[in-house]
Amino acid sequence: MKDVVSTGVIENYLLTQLRQHQPAAVHLVALLDRPDLRTVALETDYHMFKVGEGSFVGYGLEQGGRFGNLPYIGRLS
C-alpha cells in the first residue's frame, strides 16, 4: 500500500525485487495515483483516486508539516 504513486521509480524497483522471490501475488495499491508524472511504465493495480496537478493534503498527507490531520483529502492550488 502506497499513499501517492507519482513517478513510479521506487515502486517499480520494489516490485522487481519482490517478484524475484516468486510470490503467489503482488499488487500495487495507492490512495492517490498520479499517472501524468510517471517516468517508468507502471500501472497501479488498485487506487482510490486518479489525480492530476496540485499538492494534496489530509489523511496523513502533509504540506510543510501542516494539514495532515484533516479527515479528508484536499488539493492546494
PDB file of N, CA and C in Angstrom:
ATOM      1  N   MET A   1       0.857  -1.184   0.000  1.00  0.00           N
ATOM      2  CA  MET A   1       0.000   0.000   0.000  1.00  0.00           C
ATOM      3  C   MET A   1       0.891   1.230   0.000  1.00  0.00           C
ATOM      4  N   LYS A   2       0.587   2.143  -0.868  1.00  0.00           N
ATOM      5  CA  LYS A   2       1.335   3.384  -1.024  1.00  0.00           C
ATOM      6  C   LYS A   2       0.359   4.536  -0.866  1.00  0.00           C
ATOM      7  N   ASP A   3       0.807   5.657  -0.322  1.00  0.00           N
ATOM      8  CA  ASP A   3      -0.091   6.804  -0.230  1.00  0.00           C
ATOM      9  C   ASP A   3      -0.248   7.463  -1.597  1.00  0.00           C
ATOM     10  N   VAL A   4       0.866   7.862  -2.218  1.00  0.00           N
ATOM     11  CA  VAL A   4       0.817   8.502  -3.532  1.00  0.00           C
ATOM     12  C   VAL A   4       1.833   7.828  -4.460  1.00  0.00           C
ATOM     13  N   VAL A   5       1.384   7.415  -5.620  1.00  0.00           N
ATOM     14  CA  VAL A   5       2.291   6.882  -6.630  1.00  0.00           C
ATOM     15  C   VAL A   5       2.414   7.955  -7.702  1.00  0.00           C
ATOM     16  N   SER A   6       3.619   8.506  -7.848  1.00  0.00           N
ATOM     17  CA  SER A   6       3.815   9.563  -8.849  1.00  0.00           C
ATOM     18  C   SER A   6       4.762   9.078  -9.948  1.00  0.00           C
ATOM     19  N   THR A   7       6.076   9.219  -9.793  1.00  0.00           N
ATOM     20  CA  THR A   7       6.994   8.827 -10.863  1.00  0.00           C
ATOM     21  C   THR A   7       7.014   7.318 -11.081  1.00  0.00           C
ATOM     22  N   GLY A   8       6.818   6.557 -10.027  1.00  0.00           N
ATOM     23  CA  GLY A   8       6.787   5.107 -10.128  1.00  0.00           C
ATOM     24  C   GLY A   8       8.145   4.446 -10.046  1.00  0.00           C
ATOM     25  N   VAL A   9       9.215   5.214  -9.899  1.00  0.00           N
ATOM     26  CA  VAL A   9      10.565   4.659  -9.883  1.00  0.00           C
ATOM     27  C   VAL A   9      10.759   3.728  -8.679  1.00  0.00           C
ATOM     28  N   ILE A  10      10.433   4.204  -7.497  1.00  0.00           N
ATOM     29  CA  ILE A  10      10.608   3.399  -6.287  1.00  0.00           C
ATOM     30  C   ILE A  10       9.706   2.170  -6.323  1.00  0.00           C
ATOM     31  N   GLU A  11       8.474   2.371  -6.717  1.00  0.00           N
ATOM     32  CA  GLU A  11       7.521   1.264  -6.770  1.00  0.00           C
ATOM     33  C   GLU A  11       7.969   0.203  -7.771  1.00  0.00           C
ATOM     34  N   ASN A  12       8.474   0.630  -8.926  1.00  0.00           N
ATOM     35  CA  ASN A  12       8.969  -0.296  -9.942  1.00  0.00           C
ATOM     36  C   ASN A  12      10.143  -1.114  -9.397  1.00  0.00           C
ATOM     37  N   TYR A  13      11.051  -0.462  -8.704  1.00  0.00           N
ATOM     38  CA  TYR A  13      12.200  -1.154  -8.105  1.00  0.00           C
ATOM     39  C   TYR A  13      11.725  -2.186  -7.082  1.00  0.00           C
ATOM     40  N   LEU A  14      10.847  -1.776  -6.190  1.00  0.00           N
ATOM     41  CA  LEU A  14      10.368  -2.686  -5.148  1.00  0.00           C
ATOM     42  C   LEU A  14       9.614  -3.873  -5.731  1.00  0.00           C
ATOM     43  N   LEU A  15       8.767  -3.634  -6.720  1.00  0.00           N
ATOM     44  CA  LEU A  15       8.040  -4.728  -7.352  1.00  0.00           C
ATOM     45  C   LEU A  15       8.993  -5.703  -8.034  1.00  0.00           C
ATOM     46  N   THR A  16      10.028  -5.187  -8.682  1.00  0.00           N
ATOM     47  CA  THR A  16      11.022  -6.047  -9.322  1.00  0.00           C
ATOM     48  C   THR A  16      11.722  -6.925  -8.289  1.00  0.00           C
ATOM     49  N   GLN A  17      12.121  -6.320  -7.174  1.00  0.00           N
ATOM     50  CA  GLN A  17      12.787  -7.074  -6.111  1.00  0.00           C
ATOM     51  C   GLN A  17      11.867  -8.137  -5.518  1.00  0.00           C
ATOM     52  N   LEU A  18      10.628  -7.780  -5.259  1.00  0.00           N
ATOM     53  CA  LEU A  18       9.683  -8.737  -4.673  1.00  0.00           C
ATOM     54  C   LEU A  18       9.375  -9.891  -5.618  1.00  0.00           C
ATOM     55  N   ARG A  19       9.228  -9.598  -6.900  1.00  0.00           N
ATOM     56  CA  ARG A  19       8.887 -10.642  -7.871  1.00  0.00           C
ATOM     57  C   ARG A  19      10.018 -11.631  -8.090  1.00  0.00           C
ATOM     58  N   GLN A  20      11.237 -11.264  -7.747  1.00  0.00           N
ATOM     59  CA  GLN A  20      12.360 -12.197  -7.852  1.00  0.00           C
ATOM     60  C   GLN A  20      12.212 -13.370  -6.889  1.00  0.00           C
ATOM     61  N   HIS A  21      11.427 -13.173  -5.841  1.00  0.00           N
ATOM     62  CA  HIS A  21      11.188 -14.230  -4.851  1.00  0.00           C
ATOM     63  C   HIS A  21       9.980 -15.091  -5.214  1.00  0.00           C
ATOM     64  N   GLN A  22       9.404 -14.860  -6.374  1.00  0.00           N
ATOM     65  CA  GLN A  22       8.287 -15.627  -6.921  1.00  0.00           C
ATOM     66  C   GLN A  22       7.113 -15.789  -5.950  1.00  0.00           C
ATOM     67  N   PRO A  23       6.549 -14.667  -5.477  1.00  0.00           N
ATOM     68  CA  PRO A  23       5.385 -14.773  -4.599  1.00  0.00           C
ATOM     69  C   PRO A  23       4.155 -15.201  -5.407  1.00  0.00           C
ATOM     70  N   ALA A  24       3.141 -15.654  -4.717  1.00  0.00           N
ATOM     71  CA  ALA A  24       1.898 -16.049  -5.392  1.00  0.00           C
ATOM     72  C   ALA A  24       1.250 -14.833  -6.059  1.00  0.00           C
ATOM     73  N   ALA A  25       1.332 -13.675  -5.411  1.00  0.00           N
ATOM     74  CA  ALA A  25       0.740 -12.454  -5.979  1.00  0.00           C
ATOM     75  C   ALA A  25       1.380 -11.223  -5.348  1.00  0.00           C
ATOM     76  N   VAL A  26       1.501 -10.180  -6.151  1.00  0.00           N
ATOM     77  CA  VAL A  26       1.963  -8.871  -5.678  1.00  0.00           C
ATOM     78  C   VAL A  26       1.087  -7.834  -6.365  1.00  0.00           C
ATOM     79  N   HIS A  27       0.501  -6.934  -5.577  1.00  0.00           N
ATOM     80  CA  HIS A  27      -0.369  -5.898  -6.130  1.00  0.00           C
ATOM     81  C   HIS A  27       0.094  -4.534  -5.647  1.00  0.00           C
ATOM     82  N   LEU A  28       0.019  -3.555  -6.515  1.00  0.00           N
ATOM     83  CA  LEU A  28       0.348  -2.180  -6.164  1.00  0.00           C
ATOM     84  C   LEU A  28      -0.954  -1.430  -5.908  1.00  0.00           C
ATOM     85  N   VAL A  29      -1.110  -0.983  -4.670  1.00  0.00           N
ATOM     86  CA  VAL A  29      -2.321  -0.290  -4.234  1.00  0.00           C
ATOM     87  C   VAL A  29      -1.939   1.112  -3.800  1.00  0.00           C
ATOM     88  N   ALA A  30      -2.688   2.123  -4.257  1.00  0.00           N
ATOM     89  CA  ALA A  30      -2.371   3.510  -3.918  1.00  0.00           C
ATOM     90  C   ALA A  30      -3.630   4.269  -3.520  1.00  0.00           C
ATOM     91  N   LEU A  31      -3.461   5.190  -2.606  1.00  0.00           N
ATOM     92  CA  LEU A  31      -4.550   6.097  -2.263  1.00  0.00           C
ATOM     93  C   LEU A  31      -4.741   7.087  -3.411  1.00  0.00           C
ATOM     94  N   LEU A  32      -3.651   7.736  -3.821  1.00  0.00           N
ATOM     95  CA  LEU A  32      -3.682   8.680  -4.937  1.00  0.00           C
ATOM     96  C   LEU A  32      -2.745   8.207  -6.033  1.00  0.00           C
ATOM     97  N   ASP A  33      -3.245   8.128  -7.242  1.00  0.00           N
ATOM     98  CA  ASP A  33      -2.452   7.725  -8.395  1.00  0.00           C
ATOM     99  C   ASP A  33      -2.264   8.945  -9.286  1.00  0.00           C
ATOM    100  N   ARG A  34      -0.995   9.254  -9.610  1.00  0.00           N
ATOM    101  CA  ARG A  34      -0.676  10.410 -10.449  1.00  0.00           C
ATOM    102  C   ARG A  34       0.038   9.950 -11.716  1.00  0.00           C
ATOM    103  N   PRO A  35      -0.681   9.325 -12.646  1.00  0.00           N
ATOM    104  CA  PRO A  35      -0.045   8.758 -13.842  1.00  0.00           C
ATOM    105  C   PRO A  35       0.607   9.793 -14.756  1.00  0.00           C
ATOM    106  N   ASP A  36       0.201  11.051 -14.666  1.00  0.00           N
ATOM    107  CA  ASP A  36       0.799  12.084 -15.514  1.00  0.00           C
ATOM    108  C   ASP A  36       2.249  12.390 -15.139  1.00  0.00           C
ATOM    109  N   LEU A  37       2.694  11.943 -13.960  1.00  0.00           N
ATOM    110  CA  LEU A  37       4.067  12.188 -13.509  1.00  0.00           C
ATOM    111  C   LEU A  37       4.980  10.981 -13.694  1.00  0.00           C
ATOM    112  N   ARG A  38       4.498   9.894 -14.285  1.00  0.00           N
ATOM    113  CA  ARG A  38       5.285   8.666 -14.444  1.00  0.00           C
ATOM    114  C   ARG A  38       6.519   8.889 -15.314  1.00  0.00           C
ATOM    115  N   THR A  39       7.616   8.316 -14.867  1.00  0.00           N
ATOM    116  CA  THR A  39       8.833   8.294 -15.667  1.00  0.00           C
ATOM    117  C   THR A  39       9.184   6.865 -16.075  1.00  0.00           C
ATOM    118  N   VAL A  40       8.451   5.895 -15.547  1.00  0.00           N
ATOM    119  CA  VAL A  40       8.615   4.487 -15.915  1.00  0.00           C
ATOM    120  C   VAL A  40       7.249   3.926 -16.277  1.00  0.00           C
ATOM    121  N   ALA A  41       7.245   2.837 -17.038  1.00  0.00           N
ATOM    122  CA  ALA A  41       5.983   2.192 -17.410  1.00  0.00           C
ATOM    123  C   ALA A  41       5.480   1.392 -16.215  1.00  0.00           C
ATOM    124  N   LEU A  42       4.466   1.916 -15.551  1.00  0.00           N
ATOM    125  CA  LEU A  42       3.943   1.282 -14.348  1.00  0.00           C
ATOM    126  C   LEU A  42       2.476   1.660 -14.193  1.00  0.00           C
ATOM    127  N   GLU A  43       1.663   0.696 -13.838  1.00  0.00           N
ATOM    128  CA  GLU A  43       0.243   0.932 -13.558  1.00  0.00           C
ATOM    129  C   GLU A  43      -0.069   0.425 -12.164  1.00  0.00           C
ATOM    130  N   THR A  44      -0.931   1.124 -11.455  1.00  0.00           N
ATOM    131  CA  THR A  44      -1.388   0.620 -10.166  1.00  0.00           C
ATOM    132  C   THR A  44      -2.432  -0.462 -10.412  1.00  0.00           C
ATOM    133  N   ASP A  45      -2.459  -1.450  -9.539  1.00  0.00           N
ATOM    134  CA  ASP A  45      -3.479  -2.483  -9.648  1.00  0.00           C
ATOM    135  C   ASP A  45      -4.806  -1.969  -9.094  1.00  0.00           C
ATOM    136  N   TYR A  46      -4.711  -1.204  -8.029  1.00  0.00           N
ATOM    137  CA  TYR A  46      -5.888  -0.615  -7.395  1.00  0.00           C
ATOM    138  C   TYR A  46      -5.526   0.782  -6.914  1.00  0.00           C
ATOM    139  N   HIS A  47      -6.456   1.705  -7.031  1.00  0.00           N
ATOM    140  CA  HIS A  47      -6.256   3.052  -6.495  1.00  0.00           C
ATOM    141  C   HIS A  47      -7.615   3.629  -6.110  1.00  0.00           C
ATOM    142  N   MET A  48      -7.587   4.552  -5.154  1.00  0.00           N
ATOM    143  CA  MET A  48      -8.815   5.238  -4.751  1.00  0.00           C
ATOM    144  C   MET A  48      -9.141   6.356  -5.724  1.00  0.00           C
ATOM    145  N   PHE A  49      -8.142   7.186  -6.023  1.00  0.00           N
ATOM    146  CA  PHE A  49      -8.360   8.349  -6.869  1.00  0.00           C
ATOM    147  C   PHE A  49      -7.218   8.513  -7.857  1.00  0.00           C
ATOM    148  N   LYS A  50      -7.542   8.816  -9.110  1.00  0.00           N
ATOM    149  CA  LYS A  50      -6.548   9.278 -10.073  1.00  0.00           C
ATOM    150  C   LYS A  50      -6.606  10.791 -10.034  1.00  0.00           C
ATOM    151  N   VAL A  51      -5.467  11.419  -9.790  1.00  0.00           N
ATOM    152  CA  VAL A  51      -5.438  12.866  -9.634  1.00  0.00           C
ATOM    153  C   VAL A  51      -4.434  13.481 -10.600  1.00  0.00           C
ATOM    154  N   GLY A  52      -4.606  14.758 -10.847  1.00  0.00           N
ATOM    155  CA  GLY A  52      -3.721  15.493 -11.739  1.00  0.00           C
ATOM    156  C   GLY A  52      -2.788  16.385 -10.961  1.00  0.00           C
ATOM    157  N   GLU A  53      -2.684  17.617 -11.425  1.00  0.00           N
ATOM    158  CA  GLU A  53      -1.760  18.570 -10.832  1.00  0.00           C
ATOM    159  C   GLU A  53      -2.232  19.034  -9.461  1.00  0.00           C
ATOM    160  N   GLY A  54      -1.275  19.519  -8.678  1.00  0.00           N
ATOM    161  CA  GLY A  54      -1.585  20.089  -7.382  1.00  0.00           C
ATOM    162  C   GLY A  54      -0.897  19.361  -6.256  1.00  0.00           C
ATOM    163  N   SER A  55      -0.956  19.968  -5.091  1.00  0.00           N
ATOM    164  CA  SER A  55      -0.455  19.353  -3.863  1.00  0.00           C
ATOM    165  C   SER A  55      -1.661  18.890  -3.072  1.00  0.00           C
ATOM    166  N   PHE A  56      -1.564  17.713  -2.505  1.00  0.00           N
ATOM    167  CA  PHE A  56      -2.696  17.135  -1.803  1.00  0.00           C
ATOM    168  C   PHE A  56      -2.387  16.999  -0.324  1.00  0.00           C
ATOM    169  N   VAL A  57      -3.380  17.269   0.497  1.00  0.00           N
ATOM    170  CA  VAL A  57      -3.223  17.238   1.950  1.00  0.00           C
ATOM    171  C   VAL A  57      -4.385  16.481   2.569  1.00  0.00           C
ATOM    172  N   GLY A  58      -4.172  16.113   3.823  1.00  0.00           N
ATOM    173  CA  GLY A  58      -5.196  15.424   4.590  1.00  0.00           C
ATOM    174  C   GLY A  58      -4.973  13.930   4.599  1.00  0.00           C
ATOM    175  N   TYR A  59      -5.576  13.286   5.569  1.00  0.00           N
ATOM    176  CA  TYR A  59      -5.487  11.829   5.685  1.00  0.00           C
ATOM    177  C   TYR A  59      -4.040  11.370   5.822  1.00  0.00           C
ATOM    178  N   GLY A  60      -3.221  12.189   6.490  1.00  0.00           N
ATOM    179  CA  GLY A  60      -1.812  11.870   6.684  1.00  0.00           C
ATOM    180  C   GLY A  60      -0.875  12.525   5.690  1.00  0.00           C
ATOM    181  N   LEU A  61      -1.400  13.081   4.614  1.00  0.00           N
ATOM    182  CA  LEU A  61      -0.569  13.788   3.634  1.00  0.00           C
ATOM    183  C   LEU A  61      -0.372  15.219   4.117  1.00  0.00           C
ATOM    184  N   GLU A  62       0.873  15.631   4.236  1.00  0.00           N
ATOM    185  CA  GLU A  62       1.166  16.956   4.782  1.00  0.00           C
ATOM    186  C   GLU A  62       1.803  17.872   3.750  1.00  0.00           C
ATOM    187  N   GLN A  63       1.644  19.145   3.960  1.00  0.00           N
ATOM    188  CA  GLN A  63       2.315  20.182   3.164  1.00  0.00           C
ATOM    189  C   GLN A  63       2.979  21.106   4.170  1.00  0.00           C
ATOM    190  N   GLY A  64       4.300  21.100   4.205  1.00  0.00           N
ATOM    191  CA  GLY A  64       5.022  21.939   5.155  1.00  0.00           C
ATOM    192  C   GLY A  64       4.739  21.571   6.599  1.00  0.00           C
ATOM    193  N   GLY A  65       4.498  20.293   6.861  1.00  0.00           N
ATOM    194  CA  GLY A  65       4.229  19.842   8.221  1.00  0.00           C
ATOM    195  C   GLY A  65       2.839  20.179   8.716  1.00  0.00           C
ATOM    196  N   ARG A  66       1.967  20.603   7.830  1.00  0.00           N
ATOM    197  CA  ARG A  66       0.609  21.005   8.233  1.00  0.00           C
ATOM    198  C   ARG A  66      -0.434  20.248   7.427  1.00  0.00           C
ATOM    199  N   PHE A  67      -1.625  20.265   7.920  1.00  0.00           N
ATOM    200  CA  PHE A  67      -2.823  19.752   7.257  1.00  0.00           C
ATOM    201  C   PHE A  67      -2.914  18.225   7.180  1.00  0.00           C
ATOM    202  N   GLY A  68      -1.975  17.500   7.743  1.00  0.00           N
ATOM    203  CA  GLY A  68      -2.023  16.044   7.700  1.00  0.00           C
ATOM    204  C   GLY A  68      -3.141  15.449   8.523  1.00  0.00           C
ATOM    205  N   ASN A  69      -3.675  16.227   9.466  1.00  0.00           N
ATOM    206  CA  ASN A  69      -4.723  15.723  10.351  1.00  0.00           C
ATOM    207  C   ASN A  69      -6.136  15.921   9.805  1.00  0.00           C
ATOM    208  N   LEU A  70      -6.269  16.457   8.617  1.00  0.00           N
ATOM    209  CA  LEU A  70      -7.601  16.659   8.048  1.00  0.00           C
ATOM    210  C   LEU A  70      -8.267  15.310   7.790  1.00  0.00           C
ATOM    211  N   PRO A  71      -9.580  15.190   8.062  1.00  0.00           N
ATOM    212  CA  PRO A  71     -10.271  13.907   7.868  1.00  0.00           C
ATOM    213  C   PRO A  71     -10.725  13.698   6.413  1.00  0.00           C
ATOM    214  N   TYR A  72     -10.159  14.418   5.502  1.00  0.00           N
ATOM    215  CA  TYR A  72     -10.491  14.299   4.074  1.00  0.00           C
ATOM    216  C   TYR A  72      -9.244  14.654   3.273  1.00  0.00           C
ATOM    217  N   ILE A  73      -9.270  14.383   1.981  1.00  0.00           N
ATOM    218  CA  ILE A  73      -8.158  14.741   1.109  1.00  0.00           C
ATOM    219  C   ILE A  73      -8.549  16.000   0.348  1.00  0.00           C
ATOM    220  N   GLY A  74      -7.677  16.995   0.411  1.00  0.00           N
ATOM    221  CA  GLY A  74      -7.917  18.257  -0.287  1.00  0.00           C
ATOM    222  C   GLY A  74      -6.757  18.603  -1.197  1.00  0.00           C
ATOM    223  N   ARG A  75      -7.034  19.401  -2.193  1.00  0.00           N
ATOM    224  CA  ARG A  75      -5.979  19.851  -3.114  1.00  0.00           C
ATOM    225  C   ARG A  75      -5.686  21.311  -2.865  1.00  0.00           C
ATOM    226  N   LEU A  76      -4.404  21.619  -2.729  1.00  0.00           N
ATOM    227  CA  LEU A  76      -3.961  23.010  -2.583  1.00  0.00           C
ATOM    228  C   LEU A  76      -3.615  23.525  -3.966  1.00  0.00           C
ATOM    229  N   SER A  77      -4.035  24.734  -4.266  1.00  0.00           N
ATOM    230  CA  SER A  77      -3.710  25.286  -5.585  1.00  0.00           C
ATOM    231  C   SER A  77      -2.515  26.200  -5.519  1.00  0.00           C
TER     232      SER A  77
END
